[in-house]
Amino acid sequence: MLNRVLLLLSLLLVLNCGVAQRDFQTQLTTAKTLFAQGDYLAAGEQCQTIYASRSARTEELLLGIRSFALAEQPEAAIAILTQGVNSGWLDLQTLLSDTLLTSLHPRDDWQSEIRRLIQL
């Protein structure tokens, strides 16, 4: 009896994870579509929704930073940069070579986060 209960609980957990993964993929697709359409602010906000539901990885972090940089929301872009540096999911070379982020380069908070990333 205990084995059956454990099996049912395991199945429910697996099914629930599958739903969460589909939701995440839908949210990421929405963010990418908004970005491609030039709605950078909405794309960045969608990325923030993604971050609230799971730990962001490189792709989602970069999309959020790019979105807010292009939407002229540098504070929001830097906040995501900070989150990425803290989580260890950002690559220094990618950040420095990404031409969509050049508007952030002169900012003191950008430079501070880049120095922190170099030290990691």
PDB file of N, CA and C in Angstrom:
ATOM      1  N   MET A   1       0.827  -1.200   0.000  1.00  0.00           N
ATOM      2  CA  MET A   1       0.000   0.000   0.000  1.00  0.00           C
ATOM      3  C   MET A   1       0.868   1.260   0.000  1.00  0.00           C
ATOM      4  N   LEU A   2       1.876   1.272   0.841  1.00  0.00           N
ATOM      5  CA  LEU A   2       2.774   2.415   0.913  1.00  0.00           C
ATOM      6  C   LEU A   2       3.489   2.634  -0.417  1.00  0.00           C
ATOM      7  N   ASN A   3       3.864   1.553  -1.068  1.00  0.00           N
ATOM      8  CA  ASN A   3       4.531   1.664  -2.368  1.00  0.00           C
ATOM      9  C   ASN A   3       3.619   2.305  -3.412  1.00  0.00           C
ATOM     10  N   ARG A   4       2.346   1.967  -3.379  1.00  0.00           N
ATOM     11  CA  ARG A   4       1.392   2.566  -4.330  1.00  0.00           C
ATOM     12  C   ARG A   4       1.232   4.058  -4.088  1.00  0.00           C
ATOM     13  N   VAL A   5       1.153   4.438  -2.832  1.00  0.00           N
ATOM     14  CA  VAL A   5       1.028   5.853  -2.491  1.00  0.00           C
ATOM     15  C   VAL A   5       2.274   6.613  -2.955  1.00  0.00           C
ATOM     16  N   LEU A   6       3.439   6.042  -2.715  1.00  0.00           N
ATOM     17  CA  LEU A   6       4.679   6.682  -3.153  1.00  0.00           C
ATOM     18  C   LEU A   6       4.752   6.775  -4.667  1.00  0.00           C
ATOM     19  N   LEU A   7       4.297   5.741  -5.349  1.00  0.00           N
ATOM     20  CA  LEU A   7       4.280   5.758  -6.806  1.00  0.00           C
ATOM     21  C   LEU A   7       3.343   6.852  -7.320  1.00  0.00           C
ATOM     22  N   LEU A   8       2.165   6.970  -6.752  1.00  0.00           N
ATOM     23  CA  LEU A   8       1.217   8.012  -7.154  1.00  0.00           C
ATOM     24  C   LEU A   8       1.775   9.401  -6.890  1.00  0.00           C
ATOM     25  N   LEU A   9       2.395   9.597  -5.761  1.00  0.00           N
ATOM     26  CA  LEU A   9       3.003  10.890  -5.451  1.00  0.00           C
ATOM     27  C   LEU A   9       4.125  11.219  -6.428  1.00  0.00           C
ATOM     28  N   SER A  10       4.909  10.228  -6.783  1.00  0.00           N
ATOM     29  CA  SER A  10       5.994  10.423  -7.755  1.00  0.00           C
ATOM     30  C   SER A  10       5.440  10.812  -9.118  1.00  0.00           C
ATOM     31  N   LEU A  11       4.390  10.148  -9.546  1.00  0.00           N
ATOM     32  CA  LEU A  11       3.760  10.470 -10.828  1.00  0.00           C
ATOM     33  C   LEU A  11       3.197  11.885 -10.839  1.00  0.00           C
ATOM     34  N   LEU A  12       2.560  12.274  -9.756  1.00  0.00           N
ATOM     35  CA  LEU A  12       2.028  13.633  -9.662  1.00  0.00           C
ATOM     36  C   LEU A  12       3.144  14.666  -9.735  1.00  0.00           C
ATOM     37  N   LEU A  13       4.243  14.397  -9.081  1.00  0.00           N
ATOM     38  CA  LEU A  13       5.383  15.308  -9.114  1.00  0.00           C
ATOM     39  C   LEU A  13       5.937  15.437 -10.521  1.00  0.00           C
ATOM     40  N   VAL A  14       6.092  14.334 -11.212  1.00  0.00           N
ATOM     41  CA  VAL A  14       6.607  14.351 -12.586  1.00  0.00           C
ATOM     42  C   VAL A  14       5.658  15.116 -13.501  1.00  0.00           C
ATOM     43  N   LEU A  15       4.375  14.871 -13.380  1.00  0.00           N
ATOM     44  CA  LEU A  15       3.390  15.575 -14.214  1.00  0.00           C
ATOM     45  C   LEU A  15       3.407  17.068 -13.929  1.00  0.00           C
ATOM     46  N   ASN A  16       3.508  17.441 -12.677  1.00  0.00           N
ATOM     47  CA  ASN A  16       3.531  18.851 -12.298  1.00  0.00           C
ATOM     48  C   ASN A  16       4.765  19.543 -12.864  1.00  0.00           C
ATOM     49  N   CYS A  17       5.915  18.875 -12.834  1.00  0.00           N
ATOM     50  CA  CYS A  17       7.140  19.442 -13.400  1.00  0.00           C
ATOM     51  C   CYS A  17       7.000  19.648 -14.899  1.00  0.00           C
ATOM     52  N   GLY A  18       6.347  18.743 -15.573  1.00  0.00           N
ATOM     53  CA  GLY A  18       6.128  18.871 -17.008  1.00  0.00           C
ATOM     54  C   GLY A  18       5.281  20.081 -17.348  1.00  0.00           C
ATOM     55  N   VAL A  19       4.263  20.335 -16.557  1.00  0.00           N
ATOM     56  CA  VAL A  19       3.413  21.506 -16.766  1.00  0.00           C
ATOM     57  C   VAL A  19       4.214  22.779 -16.537  1.00  0.00           C
ATOM     58  N   ALA A  20       5.009  22.806 -15.482  1.00  0.00           N
ATOM     59  CA  ALA A  20       5.828  23.983 -15.180  1.00  0.00           C
ATOM     60  C   ALA A  20       6.818  24.252 -16.308  1.00  0.00           C
ATOM     61  N   GLN A  21       7.395  23.222 -16.879  1.00  0.00           N
ATOM     62  CA  GLN A  21       8.345  23.388 -17.977  1.00  0.00           C
ATOM     63  C   GLN A  21       7.649  23.951 -19.209  1.00  0.00           C
ATOM     64  N   ARG A  22       6.444  23.469 -19.519  1.00  0.00           N
ATOM     65  CA  ARG A  22       5.688  24.012 -20.657  1.00  0.00           C
ATOM     66  C   ARG A  22       5.349  25.475 -20.413  1.00  0.00           C
ATOM     67  N   ASP A  23       4.944  25.827 -19.190  1.00  0.00           N
ATOM     68  CA  ASP A  23       4.639  27.223 -18.860  1.00  0.00           C
ATOM     69  C   ASP A  23       5.875  28.094 -19.056  1.00  0.00           C
ATOM     70  N   PHE A  24       7.016  27.596 -18.602  1.00  0.00           N
ATOM     71  CA  PHE A  24       8.258  28.341 -18.764  1.00  0.00           C
ATOM     72  C   PHE A  24       8.566  28.550 -20.245  1.00  0.00           C
ATOM     73  N   GLN A  25       8.455  27.503 -21.041  1.00  0.00           N
ATOM     74  CA  GLN A  25       8.742  27.616 -22.470  1.00  0.00           C
ATOM     75  C   GLN A  25       7.788  28.597 -23.149  1.00  0.00           C
ATOM     76  N   THR A  26       6.530  28.577 -22.746  1.00  0.00           N
ATOM     77  CA  THR A  26       5.556  29.518 -23.303  1.00  0.00           C
ATOM     78  C   THR A  26       5.938  30.951 -22.950  1.00  0.00           C
ATOM     79  N   GLN A  27       6.324  31.181 -21.701  1.00  0.00           N
ATOM     80  CA  GLN A  27       6.725  32.518 -21.276  1.00  0.00           C
ATOM     81  C   GLN A  27       7.977  32.984 -22.008  1.00  0.00           C
ATOM     82  N   LEU A  28       8.932  32.091 -22.178  1.00  0.00           N
ATOM     83  CA  LEU A  28      10.162  32.450 -22.885  1.00  0.00           C
ATOM     84  C   LEU A  28       9.873  32.749 -24.353  1.00  0.00           C
ATOM     85  N   THR A  29       9.037  31.960 -24.978  1.00  0.00           N
ATOM     86  CA  THR A  29       8.653  32.208 -26.368  1.00  0.00           C
ATOM     87  C   THR A  29       7.963  33.563 -26.495  1.00  0.00           C
ATOM     88  N   THR A  30       7.096  33.877 -25.550  1.00  0.00           N
ATOM     89  CA  THR A  30       6.418  35.178 -25.555  1.00  0.00           C
ATOM     90  C   THR A  30       7.424  36.313 -25.448  1.00  0.00           C
ATOM     91  N   ALA A  31       8.383  36.183 -24.541  1.00  0.00           N
ATOM     92  CA  ALA A  31       9.409  37.217 -24.378  1.00  0.00           C
ATOM     93  C   ALA A  31      10.221  37.395 -25.661  1.00  0.00           C
ATOM     94  N   LYS A  32      10.600  36.295 -26.280  1.00  0.00           N
ATOM     95  CA  LYS A  32      11.373  36.361 -27.523  1.00  0.00           C
ATOM     96  C   LYS A  32      10.556  37.014 -28.641  1.00  0.00           C
ATOM     97  N   THR A  33       9.276  36.690 -28.707  1.00  0.00           N
ATOM     98  CA  THR A  33       8.408  37.277 -29.730  1.00  0.00           C
ATOM     99  C   THR A  33       8.271  38.779 -29.523  1.00  0.00           C
ATOM    100  N   LEU A  34       8.042  39.187 -28.286  1.00  0.00           N
ATOM    101  CA  LEU A  34       7.936  40.617 -27.985  1.00  0.00           C
ATOM    102  C   LEU A  34       9.224  41.349 -28.348  1.00  0.00           C
ATOM    103  N   PHE A  35      10.351  40.743 -28.040  1.00  0.00           N
ATOM    104  CA  PHE A  35      11.644  41.338 -28.378  1.00  0.00           C
ATOM    105  C   PHE A  35      11.782  41.486 -29.886  1.00  0.00           C
ATOM    106  N   ALA A  36      11.457  40.437 -30.611  1.00  0.00           N
ATOM    107  CA  ALA A  36      11.564  40.459 -32.078  1.00  0.00           C
ATOM    108  C   ALA A  36      10.642  41.509 -32.698  1.00  0.00           C
ATOM    109  N   GLN A  37       9.520  41.767 -32.042  1.00  0.00           N
ATOM    110  CA  GLN A  37       8.571  42.775 -32.528  1.00  0.00           C
ATOM    111  C   GLN A  37       8.970  44.192 -32.116  1.00  0.00           C
ATOM    112  N   GLY A  38      10.036  44.315 -31.337  1.00  0.00           N
ATOM    113  CA  GLY A  38      10.496  45.634 -30.911  1.00  0.00           C
ATOM    114  C   GLY A  38       9.818  46.159 -29.660  1.00  0.00           C
ATOM    115  N   ASP A  39       9.036  45.347 -29.003  1.00  0.00           N
ATOM    116  CA  ASP A  39       8.388  45.752 -27.748  1.00  0.00           C
ATOM    117  C   ASP A  39       9.312  45.353 -26.593  1.00  0.00           C
ATOM    118  N   TYR A  40      10.396  46.097 -26.462  1.00  0.00           N
ATOM    119  CA  TYR A  40      11.464  45.730 -25.535  1.00  0.00           C
ATOM    120  C   TYR A  40      11.040  45.802 -24.072  1.00  0.00           C
ATOM    121  N   LEU A  41      10.261  46.800 -23.731  1.00  0.00           N
ATOM    122  CA  LEU A  41       9.805  46.918 -22.348  1.00  0.00           C
ATOM    123  C   LEU A  41       8.955  45.713 -21.956  1.00  0.00           C
ATOM    124  N   ALA A  42       8.007  45.347 -22.800  1.00  0.00           N
ATOM    125  CA  ALA A  42       7.158  44.181 -22.518  1.00  0.00           C
ATOM    126  C   ALA A  42       7.988  42.896 -22.480  1.00  0.00           C
ATOM    127  N   ALA A  43       8.988  42.793 -23.344  1.00  0.00           N
ATOM    128  CA  ALA A  43       9.859  41.605 -23.333  1.00  0.00           C
ATOM    129  C   ALA A  43      10.619  41.522 -22.017  1.00  0.00           C
ATOM    130  N   GLY A  44      11.143  42.657 -21.554  1.00  0.00           N
ATOM    131  CA  GLY A  44      11.850  42.675 -20.280  1.00  0.00           C
ATOM    132  C   GLY A  44      10.948  42.316 -19.121  1.00  0.00           C
ATOM    133  N   GLU A  45       9.743  42.845 -19.141  1.00  0.00           N
ATOM    134  CA  GLU A  45       8.780  42.524 -18.078  1.00  0.00           C
ATOM    135  C   GLU A  45       8.410  41.044 -18.105  1.00  0.00           C
ATOM    136  N   GLN A  46       8.291  40.482 -19.295  1.00  0.00           N
ATOM    137  CA  GLN A  46       8.008  39.042 -19.413  1.00  0.00           C
ATOM    138  C   GLN A  46       9.166  38.240 -18.842  1.00  0.00           C
ATOM    139  N   CYS A  47      10.386  38.687 -19.090  1.00  0.00           N
ATOM    140  CA  CYS A  47      11.558  38.007 -18.523  1.00  0.00           C
ATOM    141  C   CYS A  47      11.516  38.044 -16.998  1.00  0.00           C
ATOM    142  N   GLN A  48      11.109  39.162 -16.436  1.00  0.00           N
ATOM    143  CA  GLN A  48      11.006  39.240 -14.977  1.00  0.00           C
ATOM    144  C   GLN A  48       9.987  38.241 -14.440  1.00  0.00           C
ATOM    145  N   THR A  49       8.915  38.002 -15.189  1.00  0.00           N
ATOM    146  CA  THR A  49       7.935  36.980 -14.808  1.00  0.00           C
ATOM    147  C   THR A  49       8.594  35.606 -14.805  1.00  0.00           C
ATOM    148  N   ILE A  50       9.427  35.365 -15.810  1.00  0.00           N
ATOM    149  CA  ILE A  50      10.148  34.091 -15.881  1.00  0.00           C
ATOM    150  C   ILE A  50      11.047  33.928 -14.661  1.00  0.00           C
ATOM    151  N   TYR A  51      11.773  34.978 -14.302  1.00  0.00           N
ATOM    152  CA  TYR A  51      12.704  34.898 -13.180  1.00  0.00           C
ATOM    153  C   TYR A  51      11.977  34.619 -11.872  1.00  0.00           C
ATOM    154  N   ALA A  52      10.739  35.078 -11.770  1.00  0.00           N
ATOM    155  CA  ALA A  52       9.968  34.849 -10.547  1.00  0.00           C
ATOM    156  C   ALA A  52       9.542  33.388 -10.420  1.00  0.00           C
ATOM    157  N   SER A  53       9.443  32.693 -11.557  1.00  0.00           N
ATOM    158  CA  SER A  53       8.962  31.315 -11.512  1.00  0.00           C
ATOM    159  C   SER A  53      10.077  30.275 -11.477  1.00  0.00           C
ATOM    160  N   ARG A  54      11.283  30.690 -11.872  1.00  0.00           N
ATOM    161  CA  ARG A  54      12.411  29.752 -11.806  1.00  0.00           C
ATOM    162  C   ARG A  54      13.712  30.527 -11.863  1.00  0.00           C
ATOM    163  N   SER A  55      14.761  29.903 -11.448  1.00  0.00           N
ATOM    164  CA  SER A  55      16.075  30.529 -11.486  1.00  0.00           C
ATOM    165  C   SER A  55      16.482  30.743 -12.941  1.00  0.00           C
ATOM    166  N   ALA A  56      16.783  31.972 -13.273  1.00  0.00           N
ATOM    167  CA  ALA A  56      17.098  32.312 -14.659  1.00  0.00           C
ATOM    168  C   ALA A  56      18.453  31.760 -15.076  1.00  0.00           C
ATOM    169  N   ARG A  57      18.553  31.398 -16.325  1.00  0.00           N
ATOM    170  CA  ARG A  57      19.791  30.925 -16.917  1.00  0.00           C
ATOM    171  C   ARG A  57      20.300  31.992 -17.888  1.00  0.00           C
ATOM    172  N   THR A  58      21.422  31.726 -18.515  1.00  0.00           N
ATOM    173  CA  THR A  58      22.085  32.710 -19.369  1.00  0.00           C
ATOM    174  C   THR A  58      21.158  33.286 -20.429  1.00  0.00           C
ATOM    175  N   GLU A  59      20.454  32.440 -21.159  1.00  0.00           N
ATOM    176  CA  GLU A  59      19.602  32.913 -22.259  1.00  0.00           C
ATOM    177  C   GLU A  59      18.542  33.893 -21.769  1.00  0.00           C
ATOM    178  N   GLU A  60      17.866  33.536 -20.676  1.00  0.00           N
ATOM    179  CA  GLU A  60      16.813  34.413 -20.165  1.00  0.00           C
ATOM    180  C   GLU A  60      17.384  35.701 -19.588  1.00  0.00           C
ATOM    181  N   LEU A  61      18.521  35.600 -18.909  1.00  0.00           N
ATOM    182  CA  LEU A  61      19.154  36.790 -18.338  1.00  0.00           C
ATOM    183  C   LEU A  61      19.579  37.764 -19.431  1.00  0.00           C
ATOM    184  N   LEU A  62      20.233  37.257 -20.454  1.00  0.00           N
ATOM    185  CA  LEU A  62      20.668  38.129 -21.545  1.00  0.00           C
ATOM    186  C   LEU A  62      19.485  38.770 -22.258  1.00  0.00           C
ATOM    187  N   LEU A  63      18.430  38.012 -22.464  1.00  0.00           N
ATOM    188  CA  LEU A  63      17.240  38.570 -23.108  1.00  0.00           C
ATOM    189  C   LEU A  63      16.673  39.710 -22.270  1.00  0.00           C
ATOM    190  N   GLY A  64      16.608  39.530 -20.969  1.00  0.00           N
ATOM    191  CA  GLY A  64      16.105  40.588 -20.091  1.00  0.00           C
ATOM    192  C   GLY A  64      16.998  41.818 -20.076  1.00  0.00           C
ATOM    193  N   ILE A  65      18.310  41.613 -19.993  1.00  0.00           N
ATOM    194  CA  ILE A  65      19.240  42.748 -19.994  1.00  0.00           C
ATOM    195  C   ILE A  65      19.142  43.504 -21.312  1.00  0.00           C
ATOM    196  N   ARG A  66      19.153  42.772 -22.422  1.00  0.00           N
ATOM    197  CA  ARG A  66      19.037  43.407 -23.744  1.00  0.00           C
ATOM    198  C   ARG A  66      17.719  44.172 -23.874  1.00  0.00           C
ATOM    199  N   SER A  67      16.648  43.534 -23.433  1.00  0.00           N
ATOM    200  CA  SER A  67      15.322  44.163 -23.557  1.00  0.00           C
ATOM    201  C   SER A  67      15.277  45.491 -22.825  1.00  0.00           C
ATOM    202  N   PHE A  68      15.700  45.483 -21.581  1.00  0.00           N
ATOM    203  CA  PHE A  68      15.639  46.726 -20.802  1.00  0.00           C
ATOM    204  C   PHE A  68      16.652  47.760 -21.283  1.00  0.00           C
ATOM    205  N   ALA A  69      17.809  47.309 -21.775  1.00  0.00           N
ATOM    206  CA  ALA A  69      18.765  48.266 -22.331  1.00  0.00           C
ATOM    207  C   ALA A  69      18.161  48.972 -23.543  1.00  0.00           C
ATOM    208  N   LEU A  70      17.523  48.227 -24.427  1.00  0.00           N
ATOM    209  CA  LEU A  70      16.916  48.812 -25.620  1.00  0.00           C
ATOM    210  C   LEU A  70      15.654  49.616 -25.300  1.00  0.00           C
ATOM    211  N   ALA A  71      15.005  49.282 -24.180  1.00  0.00           N
ATOM    212  CA  ALA A  71      13.818  50.036 -23.759  1.00  0.00           C
ATOM    213  C   ALA A  71      14.209  51.284 -22.957  1.00  0.00           C
ATOM    214  N   GLU A  72      15.508  51.528 -22.876  1.00  0.00           N
ATOM    215  CA  GLU A  72      16.047  52.673 -22.134  1.00  0.00           C
ATOM    216  C   GLU A  72      15.621  52.630 -20.667  1.00  0.00           C
ATOM    217  N   GLN A  73      15.720  51.438 -20.109  1.00  0.00           N
ATOM    218  CA  GLN A  73      15.445  51.202 -18.686  1.00  0.00           C
ATOM    219  C   GLN A  73      16.720  50.623 -18.056  1.00  0.00           C
ATOM    220  N   PRO A  74      17.780  51.437 -17.950  1.00  0.00           N
ATOM    221  CA  PRO A  74      19.072  50.897 -17.519  1.00  0.00           C
ATOM    222  C   PRO A  74      19.066  50.331 -16.101  1.00  0.00           C
ATOM    223  N   GLU A  75      18.273  50.904 -15.208  1.00  0.00           N
ATOM    224  CA  GLU A  75      18.235  50.384 -13.839  1.00  0.00           C
ATOM    225  C   GLU A  75      17.708  48.955 -13.813  1.00  0.00           C
ATOM    226  N   ALA A  76      16.683  48.693 -14.603  1.00  0.00           N
ATOM    227  CA  ALA A  76      16.132  47.331 -14.674  1.00  0.00           C
ATOM    228  C   ALA A  76      17.149  46.381 -15.318  1.00  0.00           C
ATOM    229  N   ALA A  77      17.860  46.859 -16.335  1.00  0.00           N
ATOM    230  CA  ALA A  77      18.880  46.028 -16.985  1.00  0.00           C
ATOM    231  C   ALA A  77      19.996  45.687 -15.998  1.00  0.00           C
ATOM    232  N   ILE A  78      20.423  46.665 -15.216  1.00  0.00           N
ATOM    233  CA  ILE A  78      21.497  46.448 -14.249  1.00  0.00           C
ATOM    234  C   ILE A  78      21.027  45.509 -13.135  1.00  0.00           C
ATOM    235  N   ALA A  79      19.766  45.616 -12.754  1.00  0.00           N
ATOM    236  CA  ALA A  79      19.231  44.717 -11.721  1.00  0.00           C
ATOM    237  C   ALA A  79      19.314  43.263 -12.190  1.00  0.00           C
ATOM    238  N   ILE A  80      19.003  43.023 -13.459  1.00  0.00           N
ATOM    239  CA  ILE A  80      19.100  41.669 -14.002  1.00  0.00           C
ATOM    240  C   ILE A  80      20.568  41.251 -14.121  1.00  0.00           C
ATOM    241  N   LEU A  81      21.412  42.183 -14.530  1.00  0.00           N
ATOM    242  CA  LEU A  81      22.849  41.898 -14.583  1.00  0.00           C
ATOM    243  C   LEU A  81      23.352  41.460 -13.205  1.00  0.00           C
ATOM    244  N   THR A  82      22.946  42.190 -12.183  1.00  0.00           N
ATOM    245  CA  THR A  82      23.347  41.853 -10.809  1.00  0.00           C
ATOM    246  C   THR A  82      22.867  40.457 -10.440  1.00  0.00           C
ATOM    247  N   GLN A  83      21.627  40.157 -10.772  1.00  0.00           N
ATOM    248  CA  GLN A  83      21.074  38.821 -10.506  1.00  0.00           C
ATOM    249  C   GLN A  83      21.900  37.755 -11.216  1.00  0.00           C
ATOM    250  N   GLY A  84      22.275  38.021 -12.453  1.00  0.00           N
ATOM    251  CA  GLY A  84      23.062  37.063 -13.217  1.00  0.00           C
ATOM    252  C   GLY A  84      24.461  36.864 -12.655  1.00  0.00           C
ATOM    253  N   VAL A  85      25.081  37.956 -12.219  1.00  0.00           N
ATOM    254  CA  VAL A  85      26.408  37.841 -11.610  1.00  0.00           C
ATOM    255  C   VAL A  85      26.304  37.040 -10.316  1.00  0.00           C
ATOM    256  N   ASN A  86      25.280  37.339  -9.525  1.00  0.00           N
ATOM    257  CA  ASN A  86      25.090  36.621  -8.257  1.00  0.00           C
ATOM    258  C   ASN A  86      24.855  35.135  -8.465  1.00  0.00           C
ATOM    259  N   SER A  87      24.153  34.780  -9.530  1.00  0.00           N
ATOM    260  CA  SER A  87      23.829  33.371  -9.768  1.00  0.00           C
ATOM    261  C   SER A  87      24.922  32.626 -10.529  1.00  0.00           C
ATOM    262  N   GLY A  88      25.856  33.372 -11.115  1.00  0.00           N
ATOM    263  CA  GLY A  88      26.944  32.736 -11.842  1.00  0.00           C
ATOM    264  C   GLY A  88      26.588  32.299 -13.254  1.00  0.00           C
ATOM    265  N   TRP A  89      25.480  32.798 -13.791  1.00  0.00           N
ATOM    266  CA  TRP A  89      25.029  32.346 -15.107  1.00  0.00           C
ATOM    267  C   TRP A  89      25.444  33.257 -16.255  1.00  0.00           C
ATOM    268  N   LEU A  90      26.212  34.284 -15.982  1.00  0.00           N
ATOM    269  CA  LEU A  90      26.589  35.189 -17.070  1.00  0.00           C
ATOM    270  C   LEU A  90      28.048  35.009 -17.457  1.00  0.00           C
ATOM    271  N   ASP A  91      28.325  35.227 -18.727  1.00  0.00           N
ATOM    272  CA  ASP A  91      29.659  35.088 -19.284  1.00  0.00           C
ATOM    273  C   ASP A  91      30.209  36.471 -19.610  1.00  0.00           C
ATOM    274  N   LEU A  92      31.379  36.783 -19.081  1.00  0.00           N
ATOM    275  CA  LEU A  92      31.988  38.096 -19.255  1.00  0.00           C
ATOM    276  C   LEU A  92      32.171  38.455 -20.721  1.00  0.00           C
ATOM    277  N   GLN A  93      32.723  37.559 -21.500  1.00  0.00           N
ATOM    278  CA  GLN A  93      32.997  37.845 -22.914  1.00  0.00           C
ATOM    279  C   GLN A  93      31.713  38.162 -23.684  1.00  0.00           C
ATOM    280  N   THR A  94      30.660  37.417 -23.395  1.00  0.00           N
ATOM    281  CA  THR A  94      29.376  37.667 -24.058  1.00  0.00           C
ATOM    282  C   THR A  94      28.857  39.055 -23.708  1.00  0.00           C
ATOM    283  N   LEU A  95      28.924  39.418 -22.448  1.00  0.00           N
ATOM    284  CA  LEU A  95      28.437  40.730 -22.020  1.00  0.00           C
ATOM    285  C   LEU A  95      29.220  41.868 -22.676  1.00  0.00           C
ATOM    286  N   LEU A  96      30.531  41.721 -22.717  1.00  0.00           N
ATOM    287  CA  LEU A  96      31.365  42.796 -23.256  1.00  0.00           C
ATOM    288  C   LEU A  96      31.273  42.917 -24.771  1.00  0.00           C
ATOM    289  N   SER A  97      30.972  41.825 -25.452  1.00  0.00           N
ATOM    290  CA  SER A  97      30.918  41.864 -26.920  1.00  0.00           C
ATOM    291  C   SER A  97      29.517  42.091 -27.471  1.00  0.00           C
ATOM    292  N   ASP A  98      28.514  42.057 -26.629  1.00  0.00           N
ATOM    293  CA  ASP A  98      27.132  42.214 -27.079  1.00  0.00           C
ATOM    294  C   ASP A  98      26.861  43.685 -27.403  1.00  0.00           C
ATOM    295  N   THR A  99      26.698  43.989 -28.681  1.00  0.00           N
ATOM    296  CA  THR A  99      26.526  45.380 -29.109  1.00  0.00           C
ATOM    297  C   THR A  99      25.199  45.987 -28.645  1.00  0.00           C
ATOM    298  N   LEU A 100      24.235  45.155 -28.271  1.00  0.00           N
ATOM    299  CA  LEU A 100      22.965  45.690 -27.774  1.00  0.00           C
ATOM    300  C   LEU A 100      23.100  46.241 -26.358  1.00  0.00           C
ATOM    301  N   LEU A 101      24.216  45.972 -25.716  1.00  0.00           N
ATOM    302  CA  LEU A 101      24.416  46.417 -24.336  1.00  0.00           C
ATOM    303  C   LEU A 101      25.362  47.601 -24.214  1.00  0.00           C
ATOM    304  N   THR A 102      25.856  48.130 -25.336  1.00  0.00           N
ATOM    305  CA  THR A 102      26.863  49.196 -25.268  1.00  0.00           C
ATOM    306  C   THR A 102      26.351  50.453 -24.579  1.00  0.00           C
ATOM    307  N   SER A 103      25.059  50.696 -24.589  1.00  0.00           N
ATOM    308  CA  SER A 103      24.525  51.884 -23.899  1.00  0.00           C
ATOM    309  C   SER A 103      24.722  51.791 -22.387  1.00  0.00           C
ATOM    310  N   LEU A 104      24.923  50.580 -21.881  1.00  0.00           N
ATOM    311  CA  LEU A 104      25.119  50.390 -20.442  1.00  0.00           C
ATOM    312  C   LEU A 104      26.580  50.531 -20.023  1.00  0.00           C
ATOM    313  N   HIS A 105      27.503  50.367 -20.950  1.00  0.00           N
ATOM    314  CA  HIS A 105      28.925  50.315 -20.622  1.00  0.00           C
ATOM    315  C   HIS A 105      29.445  51.530 -19.860  1.00  0.00           C
ATOM    316  N   PRO A 106      29.026  52.754 -20.162  1.00  0.00           N
ATOM    317  CA  PRO A 106      29.569  53.905 -19.429  1.00  0.00           C
ATOM    318  C   PRO A 106      29.054  54.028 -17.981  1.00  0.00           C
ATOM    319  N   ARG A 107      28.034  53.314 -17.637  1.00  0.00           N
ATOM    320  CA  ARG A 107      27.425  53.446 -16.304  1.00  0.00           C
ATOM    321  C   ARG A 107      28.329  52.859 -15.228  1.00  0.00           C
ATOM    322  N   ASP A 108      28.408  53.560 -14.109  1.00  0.00           N
ATOM    323  CA  ASP A 108      29.214  53.084 -12.987  1.00  0.00           C
ATOM    324  C   ASP A 108      28.719  51.748 -12.458  1.00  0.00           C
ATOM    325  N   ASP A 109      27.386  51.566 -12.394  1.00  0.00           N
ATOM    326  CA  ASP A 109      26.850  50.304 -11.870  1.00  0.00           C
ATOM    327  C   ASP A 109      27.146  49.141 -12.812  1.00  0.00           C
ATOM    328  N   TRP A 110      27.165  49.382 -14.128  1.00  0.00           N
ATOM    329  CA  TRP A 110      27.566  48.342 -15.087  1.00  0.00           C
ATOM    330  C   TRP A 110      29.021  47.953 -14.832  1.00  0.00           C
ATOM    331  N   GLN A 111      29.877  48.949 -14.762  1.00  0.00           N
ATOM    332  CA  GLN A 111      31.299  48.689 -14.565  1.00  0.00           C
ATOM    333  C   GLN A 111      31.571  47.974 -13.244  1.00  0.00           C
ATOM    334  N   SER A 112      30.826  48.325 -12.223  1.00  0.00           N
ATOM    335  CA  SER A 112      30.974  47.662 -10.926  1.00  0.00           C
ATOM    336  C   SER A 112      30.606  46.180 -11.020  1.00  0.00           C
ATOM    337  N   GLU A 113      29.511  45.870 -11.690  1.00  0.00           N
ATOM    338  CA  GLU A 113      29.095  44.472 -11.841  1.00  0.00           C
ATOM    339  C   GLU A 113      30.072  43.692 -12.711  1.00  0.00           C
ATOM    340  N   ILE A 114      30.612  44.332 -13.731  1.00  0.00           N
ATOM    341  CA  ILE A 114      31.597  43.668 -14.587  1.00  0.00           C
ATOM    342  C   ILE A 114      32.853  43.351 -13.770  1.00  0.00           C
ATOM    343  N   ARG A 115      33.279  44.283 -12.919  1.00  0.00           N
ATOM    344  CA  ARG A 115      34.438  44.016 -12.055  1.00  0.00           C
ATOM    345  C   ARG A 115      34.156  42.840 -11.112  1.00  0.00           C
ATOM    346  N   ARG A 116      32.952  42.807 -10.569  1.00  0.00           N
ATOM    347  CA  ARG A 116      32.580  41.673  -9.698  1.00  0.00           C
ATOM    348  C   ARG A 116      32.620  40.358 -10.454  1.00  0.00           C
ATOM    349  N   LEU A 117      32.137  40.368 -11.699  1.00  0.00           N
ATOM    350  CA  LEU A 117      32.142  39.154 -12.510  1.00  0.00           C
ATOM    351  C   LEU A 117      33.575  38.706 -12.810  1.00  0.00           C
ATOM    352  N   ILE A 118      34.451  39.648 -13.065  1.00  0.00           N
ATOM    353  CA  ILE A 118      35.854  39.324 -13.334  1.00  0.00           C
ATOM    354  C   ILE A 118      36.481  38.644 -12.120  1.00  0.00           C
ATOM    355  N   GLN A 119      36.098  39.085 -10.935  1.00  0.00           N
ATOM    356  CA  GLN A 119      36.694  38.547  -9.702  1.00  0.00           C
ATOM    357  C   GLN A 119      36.174  37.158  -9.342  1.00  0.00           C
ATOM    358  N   LEU A 120      35.070  36.749  -9.938  1.00  0.00           N
ATOM    359  CA  LEU A 120      34.516  35.430  -9.597  1.00  0.00           C
ATOM    360  C   LEU A 120      35.304  34.294 -10.173  1.00  0.00           C
TER     361      LEU A 120
END
